[in-house]
Amino acid sequence: MFVKAFKIKSNNQLKGTERKKLCDMVAQVFPVLKHEEILCLLPKKEAVSVLKIIAHNGQTVKIFCTAKIPVFFQLNSLELLPTVFTLWQHPHLLYTFVTQSSVVSKLTNGANLLLPGVITDKPPNFHSYGNLKKGHPVALVTDDNKAPVAVGITTLSSEDMYMCSGFGKCVEILHVVGDTLFNIEKSLTRPQLGPPMTSKHESESVTTVTNIVYAQQSSSDPNKETSESCTKVHESRERNNDASCVLAPNLSEKNLSLQYLGSEDIEDIIENPAREMDKLLEYCFLKACKISLKKGDLPMITSTFFKIHVITACPVKKTVDVKKSSYKKLSVFLAKMKEKGVIDTSVIKGVESLLSVKIDHPLLKSLVIMEDISKEEELSNAPVISECFRVTAAVVPLLTQFGYEKGDILKRAELRRCFMDYVKSENLQDGKILKINPLLANILRTKENQYSITMEDGINKFIGKMTYTHEITVADTKILHSGKLAPIEITVATRCSNKKVTLINNLETFGIKLEDFAKDCQGIGASTTITDVPGKKTPSVLVQGNQVLYVYKLLIEKYRIQKNYVKGLEFAPKKRK
């Protein structure tokens, strides 16, 4: 539902009566919630708003937010559903299915959950899938953490799930960790609530292969998929004349299941996580030595080399972590590279330094860079800022003729087209002169005896009756801001012992994650934190020292922020004569 970017149709704050109706609806749909718990989700002191959006598949969805955090969403054909943020506070609000943590990444990419991906308590029986009807809301948790990761609806009843004996689509995913709805509030992370209540027999009887995500992209005809899957099971059961295959998958069925997995999936099952991190660490190290490290940079402290070169060489959406590798320490890994003859290091007074790199080493010569990031892809992550206008009550009488409602967001070109179409349909244009009819007089608030104005003045006055808004698009995610767009502010402050610190504010306005930006600032070797600054509405990134030039260059070159939206360059340290 929210895998791809959605279009925001309206965003309105709820009034007192509307908030009360929402509380009553929540109490009716989720009777297990106490009145105090509902007030915690929808507190009176926080702003509660309803966001009306159009999903990529054309469905209209209402999203209810508290302090900009989505707490519930509602489709036209379904009742109110909780988001994962709400389920983190109340994990038992929906019936839950348990699956493996490796499944989540595939669900985020748009896959639905199939029955082989469900971990059941003991061998599957008639009660393994609960007592649910088709279309019942459910939540998904992983075997290592009972904090829900997805919300969906069942595509089969519990009885049909059992009769299909582990084949067929089980849950249609509507909302999952990592989708566009989840990324509205990027500061929250999934809590660790401990593993779900499952028996020891379950982990022994259900193998990794049979429970890996046979979650594939949803079929165009789910009924046909389920029917074919059930028929395949019944035919296999008749051939083997063995009713026990209904209760637990045997070895032959596991081998059969492998046929439906690609080679990459099988490698993911067999591969040791520490071995994977070893490969990633070695790849990032060799890539840094081959591409980013210059001969004039040496000698260099190994910790600085790791922060500036190795971490930045890591592919997108991956994180290199020495502690998760089999080496555990950077010095152990570098000793291995030194043993292979790739580098030369020395330790002086307990500080290890990188002295040289053997450029003609076979490992560096044979290295193939896996990423092919073109300039177009880099620019696609640059924020695109465009001015828009929100439909107000004053202009609704005209725009409602073109299918727009109060709260809709339109660009200047669309408004100009609608205005001109109306003028032509009413025959109000005389060259560059616009005739004023009663509807336009009411909208433009012209003088009583004024019957005409210039066409441009009419268009500008019409647009001026709407709320000025900025639309910021970052990697297919749209962020709306009403009024003037505040630029990113870089300031320098003095802390204790007369030490300088650099503060960067308003990053989130341009879709920049504070955690990612703080991590990028560590590349200069300075410590960074995220802190609240008095007088600022949003948190700021604090960097030790006067790092204005580095931060400014980072914003302009990496994040592609336009120079007129970055202020504070005057605080950079002055060059000595």
Protein backbone atom coordinates (compact mmCIF):
# COMPACT_ATOMS: atom_id res chain seq x y z
CA MET A 1 0.00 0.00 0.00
CA PHE A 2 2.75 2.48 0.99
CA VAL A 3 5.70 0.89 -0.83
CA LYS A 4 5.80 3.73 -3.37
CA ALA A 5 5.42 7.47 -2.80
CA PHE A 6 1.89 8.74 -2.30
CA LYS A 7 0.21 12.03 -3.21
CA ILE A 8 -1.04 14.20 -0.34
CA LYS A 9 -4.52 15.49 -1.08
CA SER A 10 -5.16 17.35 2.19
CA ASN A 11 -3.73 17.78 5.68
CA ASN A 12 -6.07 19.22 8.30
CA GLN A 13 -5.89 19.48 12.07
CA LEU A 14 -8.82 17.88 13.90
CA LYS A 15 -11.16 20.04 15.92
CA GLY A 16 -12.41 19.09 19.36
CA THR A 17 -15.55 17.33 18.15
CA GLU A 18 -13.65 15.50 15.40
CA ARG A 19 -11.03 14.36 17.90
CA LYS A 20 -13.78 13.01 20.17
CA LYS A 21 -15.33 11.08 17.27
CA LEU A 22 -11.92 9.57 16.49
CA CYS A 23 -11.49 8.48 20.15
CA ASP A 24 -14.93 6.86 20.06
CA MET A 25 -14.05 5.07 16.82
CA VAL A 26 -10.79 3.76 18.31
CA ALA A 27 -12.64 2.53 21.42
CA GLN A 28 -15.21 0.76 19.22
CA VAL A 29 -12.68 -0.91 16.90
CA PHE A 30 -10.20 -1.79 19.68
CA PRO A 31 -12.23 -2.51 22.84
CA VAL A 32 -9.10 -3.87 24.57
CA LEU A 33 -7.75 -0.33 24.83
CA LYS A 34 -8.64 1.51 28.01
CA HIS A 35 -9.76 5.12 27.94
CA GLU A 36 -6.44 6.25 29.45
CA GLU A 37 -4.51 4.35 26.77
CA ILE A 38 -6.53 5.99 24.01
CA LEU A 39 -5.79 9.41 25.51
CA CYS A 40 -2.09 8.53 25.50
CA LEU A 41 -2.31 7.80 21.76
CA LEU A 42 -4.42 10.90 21.07
CA PRO A 43 -3.43 13.35 23.86
CA LYS A 44 -5.38 16.57 24.23
CA LYS A 45 -2.23 18.69 24.48
CA GLU A 46 -0.85 17.44 21.16
CA ALA A 47 -2.01 18.39 17.68
CA VAL A 48 -3.96 15.56 16.02
CA SER A 49 -4.30 15.83 12.25
CA VAL A 50 -5.81 13.77 9.45
CA LEU A 51 -3.82 13.33 6.27
CA LYS A 52 -5.83 12.38 3.18
CA ILE A 53 -3.59 10.75 0.57
CA ILE A 54 -3.86 8.95 -2.76
CA ALA A 55 -1.70 5.81 -2.81
CA HIS A 56 0.23 4.71 -5.90
CA ASN A 57 -2.55 2.20 -6.71
CA GLY A 58 -5.20 4.95 -6.71
CA GLN A 59 -6.78 4.12 -3.34
CA THR A 60 -7.73 6.94 -0.97
CA VAL A 61 -6.35 6.54 2.55
CA LYS A 62 -6.81 8.59 5.70
CA ILE A 63 -3.81 8.80 8.04
CA PHE A 64 -4.35 10.06 11.59
CA CYS A 65 -1.23 11.62 13.13
CA THR A 66 -0.35 12.77 16.64
CA ALA A 67 2.46 15.33 16.72
CA LYS A 68 3.23 14.30 13.09
CA ILE A 69 3.57 10.62 14.09
CA PRO A 70 1.11 8.31 12.24
CA VAL A 71 -0.93 6.35 14.79
CA PHE A 72 -3.86 4.97 12.69
CA PHE A 73 -4.77 4.70 9.03
CA GLN A 74 -8.03 3.85 7.29
CA LEU A 75 -8.78 2.54 3.82
CA ASN A 76 -12.17 3.06 2.23
CA SER A 77 -13.12 -0.63 2.46
CA LEU A 78 -11.56 -1.38 5.87
CA GLU A 79 -11.93 -0.34 9.47
CA LEU A 80 -9.37 1.71 11.38
CA LEU A 81 -5.95 0.05 11.45
CA PRO A 82 -2.99 0.84 13.75
CA THR A 83 0.46 1.75 12.45
CA VAL A 84 3.58 -0.02 13.66
CA PHE A 85 4.27 2.99 15.91
CA THR A 86 1.00 2.31 17.78
CA LEU A 87 1.66 -1.44 17.88
CA TRP A 88 5.04 -0.83 19.49
CA GLN A 89 3.15 0.57 22.48
CA HIS A 90 0.38 -2.07 22.30
CA PRO A 91 1.85 -5.19 20.63
CA HIS A 92 -1.22 -7.33 21.38
CA LEU A 93 -3.69 -5.00 19.68
CA LEU A 94 -3.91 -7.31 16.63
CA TYR A 95 -3.52 -11.05 16.14
CA THR A 96 0.11 -11.69 15.24
CA PHE A 97 1.95 -14.03 12.89
CA VAL A 98 5.62 -14.79 13.56
CA THR A 99 8.16 -14.78 10.74
CA GLN A 100 11.93 -14.46 10.39
CA SER A 101 13.76 -11.12 10.55
CA SER A 102 15.26 -11.74 7.08
CA VAL A 103 11.73 -11.48 5.70
CA VAL A 104 11.31 -7.79 6.58
CA SER A 105 13.55 -6.43 3.80
CA LYS A 106 11.57 -8.36 1.19
CA LEU A 107 8.24 -7.18 2.60
CA THR A 108 9.52 -3.60 2.41
CA ASN A 109 10.16 -4.12 -1.31
CA GLY A 110 6.48 -4.95 -1.89
CA ALA A 111 6.27 -8.70 -1.25
CA ASN A 112 3.36 -10.34 0.57
CA LEU A 113 3.77 -13.11 3.14
CA LEU A 114 3.16 -16.69 2.02
CA LEU A 115 2.30 -19.57 4.34
CA PRO A 116 5.82 -21.13 4.25
CA GLY A 117 7.12 -17.91 5.78
CA VAL A 118 4.96 -18.28 8.92
CA ILE A 119 6.59 -19.81 12.00
CA THR A 120 4.05 -21.94 13.85
CA ASP A 121 4.13 -23.26 17.40
CA LYS A 122 4.89 -26.98 17.06
CA PRO A 123 3.95 -28.86 13.86
CA PRO A 124 1.06 -27.13 12.01
CA ASN A 125 -2.38 -28.17 13.20
CA PHE A 126 -5.95 -26.94 12.91
CA HIS A 127 -5.35 -24.20 15.53
CA SER A 128 -1.92 -23.04 14.34
CA TYR A 129 -3.32 -20.05 12.41
CA GLY A 130 -5.88 -18.91 15.00
CA ASN A 131 -9.57 -18.54 14.27
CA LEU A 132 -9.59 -15.81 11.65
CA LYS A 133 -11.79 -14.98 8.71
CA LYS A 134 -10.59 -13.81 5.32
CA GLY A 135 -9.73 -10.09 5.41
CA HIS A 136 -9.01 -10.04 9.16
CA PRO A 137 -6.40 -7.42 10.26
CA VAL A 138 -3.19 -8.98 11.58
CA ALA A 139 0.31 -7.86 12.57
CA LEU A 140 3.67 -9.48 11.81
CA VAL A 141 6.48 -9.92 14.33
CA THR A 142 9.90 -11.52 13.93
CA ASP A 143 11.29 -14.49 15.82
CA ASP A 144 13.84 -12.28 17.61
CA ASN A 145 11.62 -9.31 18.53
CA LYS A 146 7.90 -9.11 19.25
CA ALA A 147 7.74 -5.43 18.28
CA PRO A 148 5.52 -5.59 15.13
CA VAL A 149 7.10 -4.87 11.76
CA ALA A 150 4.04 -4.93 9.47
CA VAL A 151 0.26 -4.64 9.35
CA GLY A 152 -1.89 -6.48 6.83
CA ILE A 153 -5.05 -8.47 6.21
CA THR A 154 -5.44 -12.21 5.79
CA THR A 155 -6.09 -13.48 2.27
CA LEU A 156 -7.44 -16.82 3.59
CA SER A 157 -9.40 -17.94 6.60
CA SER A 158 -7.55 -19.89 9.29
CA GLU A 159 -9.25 -23.09 8.14
CA ASP A 160 -8.15 -22.56 4.54
CA MET A 161 -4.60 -21.84 5.70
CA TYR A 162 -4.48 -25.22 7.43
CA MET A 163 -6.07 -27.06 4.50
CA CYS A 164 -3.47 -25.60 2.10
CA SER A 165 -0.73 -27.26 4.21
CA GLY A 166 1.82 -24.51 3.92
CA PHE A 167 1.21 -23.28 0.36
CA GLY A 168 -0.41 -20.06 -0.83
CA LYS A 169 -0.51 -16.40 0.12
CA CYS A 170 -1.25 -15.78 3.78
CA VAL A 171 -1.16 -12.02 4.47
CA GLU A 172 -1.51 -9.05 2.14
CA ILE A 173 0.85 -6.40 3.51
CA LEU A 174 -0.62 -2.90 3.84
CA HIS A 175 2.01 -1.16 5.98
CA VAL A 176 5.55 -2.25 6.86
CA VAL A 177 8.65 -0.85 8.53
CA GLY A 178 10.62 1.13 5.93
CA ASP A 179 7.72 2.14 3.67
CA THR A 180 6.71 5.72 2.91
CA LEU A 181 4.20 5.85 5.78
CA PHE A 182 6.89 4.68 8.21
CA ASN A 183 9.35 7.27 6.88
CA ILE A 184 7.01 10.18 7.69
CA GLU A 185 8.51 10.06 11.19
CA LYS A 186 12.17 9.08 10.67
CA SER A 187 13.40 9.73 14.21
CA LEU A 188 11.73 6.64 15.72
CA THR A 189 13.39 3.24 15.68
CA ARG A 190 11.95 -0.18 16.36
CA PRO A 191 12.22 -1.03 20.08
CA GLN A 192 13.54 -4.35 21.38
CA LEU A 193 10.64 -5.99 23.22
CA GLY A 194 12.19 -9.45 23.44
CA PRO A 195 11.38 -12.57 21.41
CA PRO A 196 7.75 -13.68 21.03
CA MET A 197 6.43 -16.49 23.22
CA THR A 198 7.36 -19.56 21.18
CA SER A 199 8.34 -23.00 22.31
CA LYS A 200 11.78 -24.59 22.03
CA HIS A 201 10.29 -27.33 19.89
CA GLU A 202 9.28 -24.70 17.34
CA SER A 203 12.83 -23.50 16.68
CA GLU A 204 14.01 -27.08 16.29
CA SER A 205 11.18 -28.35 14.10
CA VAL A 206 11.03 -25.40 11.71
CA THR A 207 14.21 -25.09 9.66
CA THR A 208 15.67 -21.95 8.20
CA VAL A 209 14.97 -23.08 4.66
CA THR A 210 11.28 -23.84 5.18
CA ASN A 211 10.65 -20.56 6.98
CA ILE A 212 12.68 -18.23 4.80
CA VAL A 213 10.46 -15.73 3.12
CA TYR A 214 8.76 -17.59 0.37
CA ALA A 215 7.12 -14.13 0.31
CA GLN A 216 6.98 -13.40 -3.37
CA GLN A 217 5.37 -10.56 -5.22
CA SER A 218 1.61 -10.84 -4.94
CA SER A 219 -0.05 -12.77 -7.73
CA SER A 220 -2.39 -11.02 -10.12
CA ASP A 221 -4.98 -13.67 -9.26
CA PRO A 222 -4.62 -14.73 -5.59
CA ASN A 223 -7.56 -17.17 -5.71
CA LYS A 224 -5.96 -19.00 -8.62
CA GLU A 225 -2.64 -19.08 -6.76
CA THR A 226 -4.24 -20.61 -3.64
CA SER A 227 -6.24 -23.12 -5.67
CA GLU A 228 -3.17 -24.33 -7.59
CA SER A 229 -1.13 -24.57 -4.39
CA CYS A 230 -3.78 -26.63 -2.58
CA THR A 231 -4.21 -28.92 -5.60
CA LYS A 232 -0.44 -29.52 -5.69
CA VAL A 233 -0.49 -30.54 -2.01
CA HIS A 234 -3.45 -32.92 -2.40
CA GLU A 235 -1.89 -34.58 -5.45
CA SER A 236 1.38 -35.05 -3.58
CA ARG A 237 -0.50 -36.49 -0.61
CA GLU A 238 -2.34 -39.02 -2.81
CA ARG A 239 0.92 -40.15 -4.46
CA ASN A 240 2.68 -40.70 -1.14
CA ASN A 241 -0.45 -42.09 0.60
CA ASP A 242 0.88 -40.52 3.80
CA ALA A 243 -1.37 -38.28 5.89
CA SER A 244 1.54 -37.21 8.09
CA CYS A 245 2.69 -34.78 5.43
CA VAL A 246 -0.19 -32.52 6.47
CA LEU A 247 1.22 -32.09 9.99
CA ALA A 248 4.91 -31.49 9.32
CA PRO A 249 6.89 -30.94 6.11
CA ASN A 250 9.26 -33.83 5.45
CA LEU A 251 12.71 -33.68 3.92
CA SER A 252 11.46 -34.15 0.38
CA GLU A 253 9.11 -31.18 0.77
CA LYS A 254 12.00 -29.04 2.04
CA ASN A 255 14.06 -29.98 -0.99
CA LEU A 256 11.03 -29.22 -3.16
CA SER A 257 10.76 -25.81 -1.52
CA LEU A 258 14.35 -25.02 -2.48
CA GLN A 259 13.34 -25.21 -6.13
CA TYR A 260 11.25 -22.07 -5.62
CA LEU A 261 14.21 -20.13 -4.20
CA GLY A 262 16.69 -18.25 -6.35
CA SER A 263 20.43 -18.77 -6.00
CA GLU A 264 20.77 -15.48 -4.10
CA ASP A 265 18.16 -16.58 -1.53
CA ILE A 266 19.95 -19.91 -0.95
CA GLU A 267 23.24 -18.07 -0.43
CA ASP A 268 21.55 -15.81 2.12
CA ILE A 269 20.31 -18.88 4.03
CA ILE A 270 23.66 -20.67 4.12
CA GLU A 271 25.93 -17.63 4.58
CA ASN A 272 27.20 -16.84 8.05
CA PRO A 273 26.46 -13.18 9.07
CA ALA A 274 30.02 -12.75 10.39
CA ARG A 275 31.40 -14.06 7.09
CA GLU A 276 29.20 -11.60 5.20
CA MET A 277 30.54 -8.74 7.32
CA ASP A 278 34.11 -9.98 6.67
CA LYS A 279 33.49 -9.77 2.93
CA LEU A 280 31.95 -6.29 3.24
CA LEU A 281 34.82 -5.05 5.45
CA GLU A 282 37.47 -6.34 3.05
CA TYR A 283 35.61 -4.91 0.05
CA CYS A 284 35.28 -1.44 1.64
CA PHE A 285 38.95 -1.52 2.74
CA LEU A 286 40.24 -2.44 -0.72
CA LYS A 287 37.90 0.04 -2.40
CA ALA A 288 39.13 2.83 -0.09
CA CYS A 289 42.78 1.94 -0.82
CA LYS A 290 42.17 1.87 -4.57
CA ILE A 291 39.92 4.91 -5.03
CA SER A 292 39.78 7.45 -2.20
CA LEU A 293 43.17 7.16 -0.48
CA LYS A 294 45.85 9.41 -2.00
CA LYS A 295 49.59 8.84 -1.69
CA GLY A 296 50.06 12.24 -0.07
CA ASP A 297 47.60 11.34 2.71
CA LEU A 298 50.04 8.83 4.24
CA PRO A 299 51.08 8.22 6.95
CA MET A 300 47.65 8.29 8.60
CA ILE A 301 46.29 7.03 11.92
CA THR A 302 44.36 3.83 11.20
CA SER A 303 41.26 4.96 13.10
CA THR A 304 41.14 8.13 11.00
CA PHE A 305 41.62 6.08 7.83
CA PHE A 306 38.70 3.88 8.82
CA LYS A 307 36.36 6.82 9.57
CA ILE A 308 37.20 8.95 6.54
CA HIS A 309 37.85 6.36 3.83
CA VAL A 310 36.55 2.88 4.74
CA ILE A 311 33.13 3.94 6.11
CA THR A 312 32.47 6.27 3.16
CA ALA A 313 33.39 3.45 0.74
CA CYS A 314 30.54 1.30 2.08
CA PRO A 315 27.77 0.67 -0.50
CA VAL A 316 24.41 2.40 -0.11
CA LYS A 317 21.96 0.80 2.35
CA LYS A 318 24.77 -1.20 4.01
CA THR A 319 26.78 -0.51 7.15
CA VAL A 320 30.29 -1.79 7.77
CA ASP A 321 30.86 -2.74 11.41
CA VAL A 322 34.15 -4.34 12.52
CA LYS A 323 32.57 -5.62 15.76
CA LYS A 324 30.09 -7.74 13.77
CA SER A 325 32.87 -9.37 11.77
CA SER A 326 34.99 -12.33 12.84
CA TYR A 327 37.95 -9.96 13.43
CA LYS A 328 36.12 -7.98 16.18
CA LYS A 329 38.88 -5.32 16.19
CA LEU A 330 40.25 -3.06 13.45
CA SER A 331 43.86 -3.82 14.48
CA VAL A 332 43.30 -7.56 13.96
CA PHE A 333 41.87 -6.97 10.47
CA LEU A 334 44.73 -4.64 9.51
CA ALA A 335 47.23 -7.21 10.76
CA LYS A 336 45.63 -9.72 8.37
CA MET A 337 45.92 -7.25 5.47
CA LYS A 338 49.54 -6.57 6.43
CA GLU A 339 50.22 -10.30 6.47
CA LYS A 340 48.86 -10.53 2.91
CA GLY A 341 51.19 -7.70 1.89
CA VAL A 342 48.49 -5.14 0.98
CA ILE A 343 49.59 -2.50 3.50
CA ASP A 344 52.37 -1.61 5.89
CA THR A 345 51.64 -0.29 9.40
CA SER A 346 53.57 0.69 12.50
CA VAL A 347 52.68 1.24 16.16
CA ILE A 348 54.31 4.16 18.02
CA LYS A 349 53.37 4.73 21.68
CA GLY A 350 50.27 2.57 21.32
CA VAL A 351 48.95 4.46 18.25
CA GLU A 352 48.79 2.48 14.99
CA SER A 353 49.43 4.30 11.72
CA LEU A 354 49.04 3.31 8.08
CA LEU A 355 52.38 3.88 6.34
CA SER A 356 51.93 2.65 2.77
CA VAL A 357 49.67 0.74 0.39
CA LYS A 358 50.94 -1.65 -2.29
CA ILE A 359 48.96 -0.44 -5.29
CA ASP A 360 50.07 -3.30 -7.57
CA HIS A 361 48.93 -6.00 -5.13
CA PRO A 362 46.79 -8.71 -6.83
CA LEU A 363 43.85 -8.06 -4.46
CA LEU A 364 43.70 -4.40 -5.49
CA LYS A 365 44.27 -5.13 -9.18
CA SER A 366 41.50 -7.73 -9.31
CA LEU A 367 39.02 -5.64 -7.29
CA VAL A 368 35.80 -4.94 -9.18
CA ILE A 369 33.75 -2.00 -7.90
CA MET A 370 30.20 -3.32 -7.56
CA GLU A 371 28.47 0.07 -7.39
CA ASP A 372 27.90 2.03 -10.57
CA ILE A 373 26.41 5.22 -9.26
CA SER A 374 25.74 7.61 -12.10
CA LYS A 375 25.40 11.34 -11.69
CA GLU A 376 21.70 11.01 -12.47
CA GLU A 377 21.21 8.68 -9.49
CA GLU A 378 23.14 11.03 -7.22
CA LEU A 379 21.06 13.96 -8.37
CA SER A 380 17.86 11.96 -7.84
CA ASN A 381 18.50 12.18 -4.08
CA ALA A 382 18.96 15.94 -4.24
CA PRO A 383 15.96 17.81 -2.79
CA VAL A 384 13.81 19.46 -5.45
CA ILE A 385 12.04 22.53 -4.06
CA SER A 386 8.97 23.89 -5.81
CA GLU A 387 6.40 26.46 -4.75
CA CYS A 388 2.81 25.29 -4.38
CA PHE A 389 -0.47 26.67 -3.11
CA ARG A 390 -3.06 25.12 -0.80
CA VAL A 391 -6.72 25.51 -1.79
CA THR A 392 -8.58 27.75 0.68
CA ALA A 393 -12.29 28.37 1.24
CA ALA A 394 -12.06 31.64 -0.73
CA VAL A 395 -11.19 29.94 -4.06
CA VAL A 396 -13.15 26.69 -3.61
CA PRO A 397 -16.24 27.98 -5.56
CA LEU A 398 -14.11 28.22 -8.72
CA LEU A 399 -11.77 25.25 -8.30
CA THR A 400 -14.53 22.85 -7.29
CA GLN A 401 -15.63 22.97 -10.93
CA PHE A 402 -12.32 21.26 -11.80
CA GLY A 403 -12.58 18.55 -9.12
CA TYR A 404 -10.44 20.17 -6.40
CA GLU A 405 -11.38 20.49 -2.74
CA LYS A 406 -10.28 22.59 0.20
CA GLY A 407 -6.79 21.55 1.32
CA ASP A 408 -5.60 20.23 -2.05
CA ILE A 409 -2.09 21.22 -3.14
CA LEU A 410 -1.65 22.76 -6.60
CA LYS A 411 1.25 24.30 -8.46
CA ARG A 412 1.11 27.71 -10.10
CA ALA A 413 0.84 26.28 -13.62
CA GLU A 414 -2.18 24.15 -12.65
CA LEU A 415 -3.90 27.14 -11.00
CA ARG A 416 -3.25 29.33 -14.02
CA ARG A 417 -4.70 26.67 -16.32
CA CYS A 418 -7.85 26.30 -14.20
CA PHE A 419 -8.33 30.07 -14.01
CA MET A 420 -7.91 30.54 -17.77
CA ASP A 421 -10.26 27.64 -18.54
CA TYR A 422 -12.92 29.22 -16.35
CA VAL A 423 -12.44 32.65 -17.95
CA LYS A 424 -12.75 31.17 -21.46
CA SER A 425 -15.82 29.09 -20.55
CA GLU A 426 -17.57 32.20 -19.20
CA ASN A 427 -16.31 34.41 -22.08
CA LEU A 428 -14.76 36.93 -19.64
CA GLN A 429 -11.57 37.73 -21.58
CA ASP A 430 -11.25 40.79 -23.79
CA GLY A 431 -7.64 40.86 -24.99
CA LYS A 432 -5.58 41.58 -21.86
CA ILE A 433 -8.63 42.71 -19.91
CA LEU A 434 -10.56 40.43 -17.53
CA LYS A 435 -14.25 41.09 -17.03
CA ILE A 436 -15.45 40.69 -13.44
CA ASN A 437 -18.53 38.52 -12.87
CA PRO A 438 -20.18 38.02 -9.43
CA LEU A 439 -18.15 34.87 -8.66
CA LEU A 440 -14.79 36.54 -9.42
CA ALA A 441 -15.85 39.70 -7.58
CA ASN A 442 -16.53 37.60 -4.46
CA ILE A 443 -13.18 35.77 -4.75
CA LEU A 444 -10.96 38.71 -5.70
CA ARG A 445 -12.73 41.17 -3.35
CA THR A 446 -12.75 43.91 -5.96
CA LYS A 447 -14.31 47.31 -5.43
CA GLU A 448 -18.07 47.69 -5.84
CA ASN A 449 -17.94 49.69 -9.07
CA GLN A 450 -14.98 47.86 -10.59
CA TYR A 451 -16.03 45.73 -13.58
CA SER A 452 -12.64 44.80 -15.11
CA ILE A 453 -8.95 44.41 -14.34
CA THR A 454 -5.93 43.24 -16.29
CA MET A 455 -5.63 39.49 -16.83
CA GLU A 456 -2.29 39.20 -14.96
CA ASP A 457 -3.64 41.14 -11.96
CA GLY A 458 -6.63 38.82 -11.88
CA ILE A 459 -4.47 35.68 -11.91
CA ASN A 460 -2.09 37.03 -9.25
CA LYS A 461 -4.94 38.10 -6.97
CA PHE A 462 -6.61 34.73 -7.41
CA ILE A 463 -3.41 32.85 -6.48
CA GLY A 464 -2.81 35.31 -3.64
CA LYS A 465 -6.01 34.11 -1.94
CA MET A 466 -4.40 30.70 -1.35
CA THR A 467 -1.88 29.50 1.26
CA TYR A 468 1.71 29.70 0.06
CA THR A 469 3.37 26.27 0.41
CA HIS A 470 6.70 24.65 -0.46
CA GLU A 471 6.91 21.08 -1.77
CA ILE A 472 10.27 19.37 -1.17
CA THR A 473 10.82 16.11 -3.08
CA VAL A 474 13.65 13.86 -1.90
CA ALA A 475 14.01 10.40 -3.52
CA ASP A 476 10.29 10.17 -4.43
CA THR A 477 9.28 11.32 -0.92
CA LYS A 478 7.33 14.60 -0.79
CA ILE A 479 7.46 16.96 2.20
CA LEU A 480 5.11 19.94 2.42
CA HIS A 481 5.81 23.15 4.37
CA SER A 482 3.36 26.02 4.62
CA GLY A 483 4.64 29.60 4.49
CA LYS A 484 8.22 30.76 4.05
CA LEU A 485 10.85 28.00 3.81
CA ALA A 486 13.42 28.38 6.57
CA PRO A 487 16.99 27.75 5.31
CA ILE A 488 19.54 25.45 6.94
CA GLU A 489 21.30 27.49 9.60
CA ILE A 490 24.97 26.97 10.51
CA THR A 491 26.07 28.75 13.68
CA VAL A 492 29.10 28.64 15.96
CA ALA A 493 28.73 28.70 19.74
CA THR A 494 31.13 28.65 22.68
CA ARG A 495 30.90 25.98 25.34
CA CYS A 496 32.83 25.42 28.56
CA SER A 497 36.61 26.04 28.53
CA ASN A 498 36.06 28.42 25.58
CA LYS A 499 35.66 25.51 23.16
CA LYS A 500 33.92 26.13 19.85
CA VAL A 501 31.08 23.96 18.54
CA THR A 502 29.19 24.08 15.24
CA LEU A 503 25.39 23.81 15.28
CA ILE A 504 23.35 22.87 12.20
CA ASN A 505 19.57 23.41 12.33
CA ASN A 506 16.58 22.82 9.98
CA LEU A 507 18.10 19.75 8.29
CA GLU A 508 14.87 17.73 8.55
CA THR A 509 13.03 20.43 6.58
CA PHE A 510 15.01 19.30 3.52
CA GLY A 511 14.53 15.57 4.18
CA ILE A 512 17.99 15.03 5.72
CA LYS A 513 18.13 12.44 8.52
CA LEU A 514 19.94 13.83 11.54
CA GLU A 515 21.60 10.49 12.34
CA ASP A 516 22.99 10.13 8.80
CA PHE A 517 24.24 13.72 8.71
CA ALA A 518 25.90 13.35 12.12
CA LYS A 519 27.62 10.20 10.86
CA ASP A 520 28.89 12.06 7.77
CA CYS A 521 30.30 14.83 9.96
CA GLN A 522 32.40 12.27 11.83
CA GLY A 523 34.44 11.87 8.66
CA ILE A 524 36.45 14.93 9.66
CA GLY A 525 37.44 13.23 12.91
CA ALA A 526 35.21 15.40 15.16
CA SER A 527 32.64 13.99 17.56
CA THR A 528 29.00 14.79 16.83
CA THR A 529 25.74 14.68 18.79
CA ILE A 530 22.07 15.51 18.21
CA THR A 531 20.86 18.07 20.72
CA ASP A 532 18.02 20.49 21.44
CA VAL A 533 18.99 24.16 21.23
CA PRO A 534 16.99 26.78 23.18
CA GLY A 535 14.86 28.88 20.85
CA LYS A 536 14.84 26.26 18.06
CA LYS A 537 11.76 24.18 17.32
CA THR A 538 13.68 21.20 15.91
CA PRO A 539 16.80 19.33 17.13
CA SER A 540 20.22 20.38 15.84
CA VAL A 541 23.40 18.51 14.99
CA LEU A 542 26.34 19.59 17.16
CA VAL A 543 29.89 19.13 15.83
CA GLN A 544 32.96 19.76 17.97
CA GLY A 545 35.11 22.68 16.76
CA ASN A 546 34.49 25.32 14.11
CA GLN A 547 33.58 23.07 11.17
CA VAL A 548 31.52 25.58 9.16
CA LEU A 549 33.50 25.11 5.92
CA TYR A 550 33.33 21.31 6.12
CA VAL A 551 29.58 21.31 6.89
CA TYR A 552 28.86 23.86 4.14
CA LYS A 553 30.79 21.79 1.58
CA LEU A 554 29.02 18.61 2.74
CA LEU A 555 25.58 20.20 2.27
CA ILE A 556 26.36 21.65 -1.15
CA GLU A 557 28.29 18.73 -2.69
CA LYS A 558 26.84 15.56 -1.15
CA TYR A 559 23.28 16.58 -0.24
CA ARG A 560 22.89 18.92 -3.24
CA ILE A 561 21.31 21.73 -1.24
CA GLN A 562 21.08 25.00 -3.18
CA LYS A 563 23.41 27.69 -1.82
CA ASN A 564 20.59 30.15 -1.19
CA TYR A 565 19.05 27.66 1.28
CA VAL A 566 22.22 27.45 3.43
CA LYS A 567 23.13 30.32 5.77
CA GLY A 568 26.05 30.77 8.15
CA LEU A 569 29.14 30.72 5.95
CA GLU A 570 30.21 33.99 7.56
CA PHE A 571 30.98 32.09 10.77
CA ALA A 572 33.79 30.12 9.10
CA PRO A 573 37.28 30.68 10.58
CA LYS A 574 39.18 33.50 8.91
CA LYS A 575 42.29 32.64 6.93
CA ARG A 576 45.52 33.82 8.49
CA LYS A 577 47.60 36.23 6.44
